Amino acid sequence: MIRSPLMALALTAPILVSGCAAAVIGTAGAVGVASVQERSLGEAVDDSTVSNQIKAMLLNESGFGEVDVEVVQGLVLLSGRVATPEHRVRAEDIAWTATRTRDVANEIVIEQPGGFFANASDELITARVRASLIAAKNVKSINYNIETYNGVVYLMGIAQTNAELKEAAERASVVGGVDRVVSYVKVRPTPAQFNASSSNSDSELLGGSGS
């Protein structure tokens, strides 16, 4: 369940069962790549902080061993599996308690643990999708976070253009084992769009242009 409007893009391909697992990581990786991402250094650090807070809280409770957390510009993506509806709701509640959480996309499914082989299958799909994006000349792959659960690939990040996002999603959809692709990727505003947005905001602050 998503508490504020988010657009998801779905594409279909073959299916393969798999899963994800939660783990705590540091902020060094986020800082190291921030300079080449569309996100600023501050945004990357904030996202890493939110991710680590949520992962730590999940690991402090039982039942969340196969829940994964990804954060981009304050949007928290929860994926993986839990055994009960209560666990699913609890995971989302935890995500909202983290500082700087702006939205939560709860893609967690309710089913019994998948085990090592299911998780390994998803990891393999994620690696294949990542390799395909890296090989694409028109896709800035470092801007994309990739998670896979039960053959469903989730893309997060910031695309430079709509065309780039379309190519990234299409490339992911044709990777072996992928059932569908769900995109929570935002498209970076063009300079014209940014200037128009700024002008509109300034006009609103000044009470409009009048008549």
C-alpha atoms as a PDB file:
ATOM      1  CA  MET A   1       0.000   0.000   0.000  1.00  0.00           C
ATOM      2  CA  ILE A   2       1.341   3.437  -0.924  1.00  0.00           C
ATOM      3  CA  ARG A   3       0.190   6.336   1.254  1.00  0.00           C
ATOM      4  CA  SER A   4       0.653   8.995  -1.430  1.00  0.00           C
ATOM      5  CA  PRO A   5       0.281   8.832  -5.234  1.00  0.00           C
ATOM      6  CA  LEU A   6       3.089   6.996  -7.037  1.00  0.00           C
ATOM      7  CA  MET A   7       3.147   5.752 -10.615  1.00  0.00           C
ATOM      8  CA  ALA A   8       4.102   2.136 -11.311  1.00  0.00           C
ATOM      9  CA  LEU A   9       5.089   0.823 -14.750  1.00  0.00           C
ATOM     10  CA  ALA A  10       4.508  -2.904 -15.379  1.00  0.00           C
ATOM     11  CA  LEU A  11       5.976  -5.018 -18.163  1.00  0.00           C
ATOM     12  CA  THR A  12       5.685  -8.801 -18.563  1.00  0.00           C
ATOM     13  CA  ALA A  13       8.123 -11.637 -19.345  1.00  0.00           C
ATOM     14  CA  PRO A  14       8.788 -15.271 -18.130  1.00  0.00           C
ATOM     15  CA  ILE A  15       8.417 -16.148 -14.413  1.00  0.00           C
ATOM     16  CA  LEU A  16      10.834 -17.580 -11.824  1.00  0.00           C
ATOM     17  CA  VAL A  17      10.237 -17.904  -8.060  1.00  0.00           C
ATOM     18  CA  SER A  18      12.725 -16.163  -5.752  1.00  0.00           C
ATOM     19  CA  GLY A  19      13.185 -13.754  -2.763  1.00  0.00           C
ATOM     20  CA  CYS A  20      15.183 -11.054  -0.941  1.00  0.00           C
ATOM     21  CA  ALA A  21      16.784 -10.648   2.483  1.00  0.00           C
ATOM     22  CA  ALA A  22      17.344  -7.672   4.758  1.00  0.00           C
ATOM     23  CA  ALA A  23      20.856  -6.532   5.696  1.00  0.00           C
ATOM     24  CA  VAL A  24      22.404  -3.479   7.334  1.00  0.00           C
ATOM     25  CA  ILE A  25      24.949  -1.506   5.288  1.00  0.00           C
ATOM     26  CA  GLY A  26      26.934   1.645   5.922  1.00  0.00           C
ATOM     27  CA  THR A  27      26.779   5.056   4.262  1.00  0.00           C
ATOM     28  CA  ALA A  28      30.224   4.914   2.647  1.00  0.00           C
ATOM     29  CA  GLY A  29      28.913   3.364  -0.575  1.00  0.00           C
ATOM     30  CA  ALA A  30      26.235   6.000  -0.952  1.00  0.00           C
ATOM     31  CA  VAL A  31      28.736   8.811  -0.437  1.00  0.00           C
ATOM     32  CA  GLY A  32      31.210   7.287  -2.872  1.00  0.00           C
ATOM     33  CA  VAL A  33      28.858   7.256  -5.852  1.00  0.00           C
ATOM     34  CA  ALA A  34      26.837  10.394  -5.103  1.00  0.00           C
ATOM     35  CA  SER A  35      28.994  12.558  -7.323  1.00  0.00           C
ATOM     36  CA  VAL A  36      28.076  10.571 -10.441  1.00  0.00           C
ATOM     37  CA  GLN A  37      24.410  10.037  -9.580  1.00  0.00           C
ATOM     38  CA  GLU A  38      21.508  12.365 -10.288  1.00  0.00           C
ATOM     39  CA  ARG A  39      21.026  12.564  -6.522  1.00  0.00           C
ATOM     40  CA  SER A  40      23.074  15.115  -4.606  1.00  0.00           C
ATOM     41  CA  LEU A  41      25.549  14.048  -1.933  1.00  0.00           C
ATOM     42  CA  GLY A  42      23.132  15.196   0.764  1.00  0.00           C
ATOM     43  CA  GLU A  43      20.242  13.228  -0.754  1.00  0.00           C
ATOM     44  CA  ALA A  44      22.349  10.082  -1.034  1.00  0.00           C
ATOM     45  CA  VAL A  45      23.428  10.339   2.607  1.00  0.00           C
ATOM     46  CA  ASP A  46      19.855  11.012   3.743  1.00  0.00           C
ATOM     47  CA  ASP A  47      18.558   7.994   1.802  1.00  0.00           C
ATOM     48  CA  SER A  48      21.277   5.756   3.207  1.00  0.00           C
ATOM     49  CA  THR A  49      20.506   6.960   6.732  1.00  0.00           C
ATOM     50  CA  VAL A  50      16.791   6.212   6.307  1.00  0.00           C
ATOM     51  CA  SER A  51      17.549   2.780   4.841  1.00  0.00           C
ATOM     52  CA  ASN A  52      19.877   1.861   7.684  1.00  0.00           C
ATOM     53  CA  GLN A  53      17.413   3.028  10.324  1.00  0.00           C
ATOM     54  CA  ILE A  54      14.612   0.918   8.886  1.00  0.00           C
ATOM     55  CA  LYS A  55      16.794  -2.164   8.372  1.00  0.00           C
ATOM     56  CA  ALA A  56      18.104  -1.967  11.927  1.00  0.00           C
ATOM     57  CA  MET A  57      14.584  -1.668  13.348  1.00  0.00           C
ATOM     58  CA  LEU A  58      13.354  -4.610  11.268  1.00  0.00           C
ATOM     59  CA  LEU A  59      16.263  -6.788  12.372  1.00  0.00           C
ATOM     60  CA  ASN A  60      15.482  -5.960  16.004  1.00  0.00           C
ATOM     61  CA  GLU A  61      12.136  -7.731  15.616  1.00  0.00           C
ATOM     62  CA  SER A  62      11.338 -11.262  14.487  1.00  0.00           C
ATOM     63  CA  GLY A  63       9.678 -12.155  11.216  1.00  0.00           C
ATOM     64  CA  PHE A  64      11.420  -9.710   8.886  1.00  0.00           C
ATOM     65  CA  GLY A  65      14.423 -11.756   7.771  1.00  0.00           C
ATOM     66  CA  GLU A  66      13.295 -11.763   4.125  1.00  0.00           C
ATOM     67  CA  VAL A  67      12.282  -8.113   3.819  1.00  0.00           C
ATOM     68  CA  ASP A  68      14.448  -5.780   1.772  1.00  0.00           C
ATOM     69  CA  VAL A  69      14.591  -1.988   2.019  1.00  0.00           C
ATOM     70  CA  GLU A  70      15.591   0.494  -0.691  1.00  0.00           C
ATOM     71  CA  VAL A  71      15.334   4.283  -0.396  1.00  0.00           C
ATOM     72  CA  VAL A  72      15.597   6.942  -3.122  1.00  0.00           C
ATOM     73  CA  GLN A  73      14.793  10.599  -2.394  1.00  0.00           C
ATOM     74  CA  GLY A  74      12.835   9.653   0.695  1.00  0.00           C
ATOM     75  CA  LEU A  75      10.716   7.001  -1.065  1.00  0.00           C
ATOM     76  CA  VAL A  76      11.020   3.729   0.849  1.00  0.00           C
ATOM     77  CA  LEU A  77      10.456   0.517  -1.114  1.00  0.00           C
ATOM     78  CA  LEU A  78       9.693  -2.544   1.006  1.00  0.00           C
ATOM     79  CA  SER A  79       9.858  -5.866  -0.843  1.00  0.00           C
ATOM     80  CA  GLY A  80      10.183  -9.533   0.025  1.00  0.00           C
ATOM     81  CA  ARG A  81       7.971 -11.767   2.166  1.00  0.00           C
ATOM     82  CA  VAL A  82       6.510 -12.041   5.663  1.00  0.00           C
ATOM     83  CA  ALA A  83       4.367 -14.760   7.224  1.00  0.00           C
ATOM     84  CA  THR A  84       1.355 -12.706   8.365  1.00  0.00           C
ATOM     85  CA  PRO A  85      -0.650  -9.599   7.398  1.00  0.00           C
ATOM     86  CA  GLU A  86       0.275  -8.124  10.768  1.00  0.00           C
ATOM     87  CA  HIS A  87       3.964  -8.351   9.902  1.00  0.00           C
ATOM     88  CA  ARG A  88       3.326  -6.580   6.599  1.00  0.00           C
ATOM     89  CA  VAL A  89       1.546  -3.720   8.336  1.00  0.00           C
ATOM     90  CA  ARG A  90       4.206  -3.574  11.039  1.00  0.00           C
ATOM     91  CA  ALA A  91       6.998  -3.284   8.442  1.00  0.00           C
ATOM     92  CA  GLU A  92       5.282  -0.283   6.858  1.00  0.00           C
ATOM     93  CA  ASP A  93       4.684   1.325  10.256  1.00  0.00           C
ATOM     94  CA  ILE A  94       8.397   0.949  11.021  1.00  0.00           C
ATOM     95  CA  ALA A  95       9.315   2.512   7.673  1.00  0.00           C
ATOM     96  CA  TRP A  96       7.226   5.580   8.468  1.00  0.00           C
ATOM     97  CA  THR A  97       8.990   6.108  11.805  1.00  0.00           C
ATOM     98  CA  ALA A  98      12.366   6.726  10.128  1.00  0.00           C
ATOM     99  CA  THR A  99      13.525  10.297   9.800  1.00  0.00           C
ATOM    100  CA  ARG A 100      13.111  11.834   6.330  1.00  0.00           C
ATOM    101  CA  THR A 101      10.743   9.135   5.061  1.00  0.00           C
ATOM    102  CA  ARG A 102       8.512  10.826   2.474  1.00  0.00           C
ATOM    103  CA  ASP A 103       6.614   7.884   0.957  1.00  0.00           C
ATOM    104  CA  VAL A 104       6.383   4.141   1.494  1.00  0.00           C
ATOM    105  CA  ALA A 105       5.755   1.647  -1.305  1.00  0.00           C
ATOM    106  CA  ASN A 106       4.838  -1.598   0.432  1.00  0.00           C
ATOM    107  CA  GLU A 107       5.388  -4.465  -2.033  1.00  0.00           C
ATOM    108  CA  ILE A 108       5.805  -7.130   0.673  1.00  0.00           C
ATOM    109  CA  VAL A 109       3.832 -10.335   0.042  1.00  0.00           C
ATOM    110  CA  ILE A 110       2.444 -12.690   2.668  1.00  0.00           C
ATOM    111  CA  GLU A 111       3.851 -16.202   2.416  1.00  0.00           C
ATOM    112  CA  GLN A 112       6.183 -18.573   4.200  1.00  0.00           C
ATOM    113  CA  PRO A 113       9.996 -18.143   3.954  1.00  0.00           C
ATOM    114  CA  GLY A 114      11.395 -19.033   0.563  1.00  0.00           C
ATOM    115  CA  GLY A 115      14.762 -20.342   1.670  1.00  0.00           C
ATOM    116  CA  PHE A 116      18.220 -20.071   0.161  1.00  0.00           C
ATOM    117  CA  PHE A 117      17.457 -21.227  -3.390  1.00  0.00           C
ATOM    118  CA  ALA A 118      14.509 -18.869  -3.829  1.00  0.00           C
ATOM    119  CA  ASN A 119      16.599 -15.931  -2.625  1.00  0.00           C
ATOM    120  CA  ALA A 120      19.532 -16.955  -4.826  1.00  0.00           C
ATOM    121  CA  SER A 121      17.293 -17.023  -7.910  1.00  0.00           C
ATOM    122  CA  ASP A 122      16.205 -13.447  -7.298  1.00  0.00           C
ATOM    123  CA  GLU A 123      19.770 -12.324  -6.707  1.00  0.00           C
ATOM    124  CA  LEU A 124      20.754 -13.855 -10.044  1.00  0.00           C
ATOM    125  CA  ILE A 125      17.949 -11.994 -11.835  1.00  0.00           C
ATOM    126  CA  THR A 126      18.980  -8.737 -10.177  1.00  0.00           C
ATOM    127  CA  ALA A 127      22.568  -9.264 -11.344  1.00  0.00           C
ATOM    128  CA  ARG A 128      21.431  -9.951 -14.899  1.00  0.00           C
ATOM    129  CA  VAL A 129      19.247  -6.845 -14.986  1.00  0.00           C
ATOM    130  CA  ARG A 130      22.085  -4.747 -13.598  1.00  0.00           C
ATOM    131  CA  ALA A 131      24.453  -6.096 -16.273  1.00  0.00           C
ATOM    132  CA  SER A 132      21.914  -5.291 -18.998  1.00  0.00           C
ATOM    133  CA  LEU A 133      21.537  -1.697 -17.786  1.00  0.00           C
ATOM    134  CA  ILE A 134      25.298  -1.248 -17.548  1.00  0.00           C
ATOM    135  CA  ALA A 135      25.635  -2.427 -21.150  1.00  0.00           C
ATOM    136  CA  ALA A 136      23.036   0.079 -22.379  1.00  0.00           C
ATOM    137  CA  LYS A 137      24.657   3.171 -23.887  1.00  0.00           C
ATOM    138  CA  ASN A 138      21.597   5.334 -23.290  1.00  0.00           C
ATOM    139  CA  VAL A 139      20.969   4.292 -19.672  1.00  0.00           C
ATOM    140  CA  LYS A 140      22.874   5.794 -16.754  1.00  0.00           C
ATOM    141  CA  SER A 141      22.782   2.579 -14.752  1.00  0.00           C
ATOM    142  CA  ILE A 142      24.277   4.036 -11.574  1.00  0.00           C
ATOM    143  CA  ASN A 143      21.032   5.973 -11.073  1.00  0.00           C
ATOM    144  CA  TYR A 144      18.989   2.771 -10.749  1.00  0.00           C
ATOM    145  CA  ASN A 145      18.402   0.604  -7.689  1.00  0.00           C
ATOM    146  CA  ILE A 146      17.213  -2.910  -8.558  1.00  0.00           C
ATOM    147  CA  GLU A 147      15.363  -5.376  -6.338  1.00  0.00           C
ATOM    148  CA  THR A 148      13.785  -8.680  -7.381  1.00  0.00           C
ATOM    149  CA  TYR A 149      11.165 -10.769  -5.631  1.00  0.00           C
ATOM    150  CA  ASN A 150       9.460 -13.839  -7.147  1.00  0.00           C
ATOM    151  CA  GLY A 151      10.539 -12.752 -10.596  1.00  0.00           C
ATOM    152  CA  VAL A 152       9.162  -9.231 -10.162  1.00  0.00           C
ATOM    153  CA  VAL A 153      11.851  -6.609 -10.733  1.00  0.00           C
ATOM    154  CA  TYR A 154      11.492  -3.282  -8.929  1.00  0.00           C
ATOM    155  CA  LEU A 155      13.351  -0.302 -10.358  1.00  0.00           C
ATOM    156  CA  MET A 156      14.002   2.811  -8.292  1.00  0.00           C
ATOM    157  CA  GLY A 157      16.072   5.903  -8.958  1.00  0.00           C
ATOM    158  CA  ILE A 158      16.167   8.936 -11.231  1.00  0.00           C
ATOM    159  CA  ALA A 159      16.058   8.707 -15.024  1.00  0.00           C
ATOM    160  CA  GLN A 160      17.467  11.495 -17.159  1.00  0.00           C
ATOM    161  CA  THR A 161      14.601  11.235 -19.700  1.00  0.00           C
ATOM    162  CA  ASN A 162      11.402   9.297 -20.328  1.00  0.00           C
ATOM    163  CA  ALA A 163      13.160   7.538 -23.197  1.00  0.00           C
ATOM    164  CA  GLU A 164      15.904   6.345 -20.861  1.00  0.00           C
ATOM    165  CA  LEU A 165      13.363   5.035 -18.356  1.00  0.00           C
ATOM    166  CA  LYS A 166      11.493   3.201 -21.104  1.00  0.00           C
ATOM    167  CA  GLU A 167      14.682   1.542 -22.336  1.00  0.00           C
ATOM    168  CA  ALA A 168      15.699   0.542 -18.815  1.00  0.00           C
ATOM    169  CA  ALA A 169      12.292  -1.009 -18.109  1.00  0.00           C
ATOM    170  CA  GLU A 170      12.214  -2.822 -21.456  1.00  0.00           C
ATOM    171  CA  ARG A 171      15.720  -4.192 -20.964  1.00  0.00           C
ATOM    172  CA  ALA A 172      14.785  -5.463 -17.508  1.00  0.00           C
ATOM    173  CA  SER A 173      11.590  -7.085 -18.812  1.00  0.00           C
ATOM    174  CA  VAL A 174      13.391  -9.338 -21.303  1.00  0.00           C
ATOM    175  CA  VAL A 175      15.945 -10.728 -18.849  1.00  0.00           C
ATOM    176  CA  GLY A 176      15.480 -14.441 -18.282  1.00  0.00           C
ATOM    177  CA  GLY A 177      13.322 -15.242 -15.267  1.00  0.00           C
ATOM    178  CA  VAL A 178      11.636 -11.835 -15.077  1.00  0.00           C
ATOM    179  CA  ASP A 179       7.849 -11.964 -14.747  1.00  0.00           C
ATOM    180  CA  ARG A 180       7.238  -8.201 -14.780  1.00  0.00           C
ATOM    181  CA  VAL A 181       8.908  -4.887 -14.049  1.00  0.00           C
ATOM    182  CA  VAL A 182       7.519  -2.322 -11.614  1.00  0.00           C
ATOM    183  CA  SER A 183       9.077   1.131 -11.817  1.00  0.00           C
ATOM    184  CA  TYR A 184       9.237   3.709  -9.049  1.00  0.00           C
ATOM    185  CA  VAL A 185      11.786   5.691 -11.049  1.00  0.00           C
ATOM    186  CA  LYS A 186      11.370   9.456 -11.253  1.00  0.00           C
ATOM    187  CA  VAL A 187      12.272  11.318 -14.433  1.00  0.00           C
ATOM    188  CA  ARG A 188      14.556  14.303 -13.874  1.00  0.00           C
ATOM    189  CA  PRO A 189      12.809  17.553 -14.863  1.00  0.00           C
ATOM    190  CA  THR A 190      14.185  19.304 -17.935  1.00  0.00           C
ATOM    191  CA  PRO A 191      15.570  22.837 -17.448  1.00  0.00           C
ATOM    192  CA  ALA A 192      12.411  24.237 -19.064  1.00  0.00           C
ATOM    193  CA  GLN A 193      10.174  22.253 -16.699  1.00  0.00           C
ATOM    194  CA  PHE A 194      12.264  23.279 -13.704  1.00  0.00           C
ATOM    195  CA  ASN A 195      12.147  26.941 -14.654  1.00  0.00           C
ATOM    196  CA  ALA A 196       8.404  26.772 -15.248  1.00  0.00           C
ATOM    197  CA  SER A 197       7.903  25.122 -11.868  1.00  0.00           C
ATOM    198  CA  SER A 198      10.036  27.754 -10.161  1.00  0.00           C
ATOM    199  CA  SER A 199       8.127  30.549 -11.910  1.00  0.00           C
ATOM    200  CA  ASN A 200       4.804  29.084 -10.841  1.00  0.00           C
ATOM    201  CA  SER A 201       6.002  28.753  -7.269  1.00  0.00           C
ATOM    202  CA  ASP A 202       7.224  32.349  -7.247  1.00  0.00           C
ATOM    203  CA  SER A 203       3.903  33.513  -8.697  1.00  0.00           C
ATOM    204  CA  GLU A 204       1.988  31.659  -5.993  1.00  0.00           C
ATOM    205  CA  LEU A 205       4.159  33.172  -3.277  1.00  0.00           C
ATOM    206  CA  LEU A 206       3.524  36.656  -4.693  1.00  0.00           C
ATOM    207  CA  GLY A 207      -0.189  36.062  -4.977  1.00  0.00           C
ATOM    208  CA  GLY A 208      -0.211  35.459  -8.743  1.00  0.00           C
ATOM    209  CA  SER A 209       0.098  37.916 -11.594  1.00  0.00           C
ATOM    210  CA  GLY A 210      -3.307  39.458 -11.026  1.00  0.00           C
ATOM    211  CA  SER A 211      -5.797  40.474 -13.688  1.00  0.00           C
END
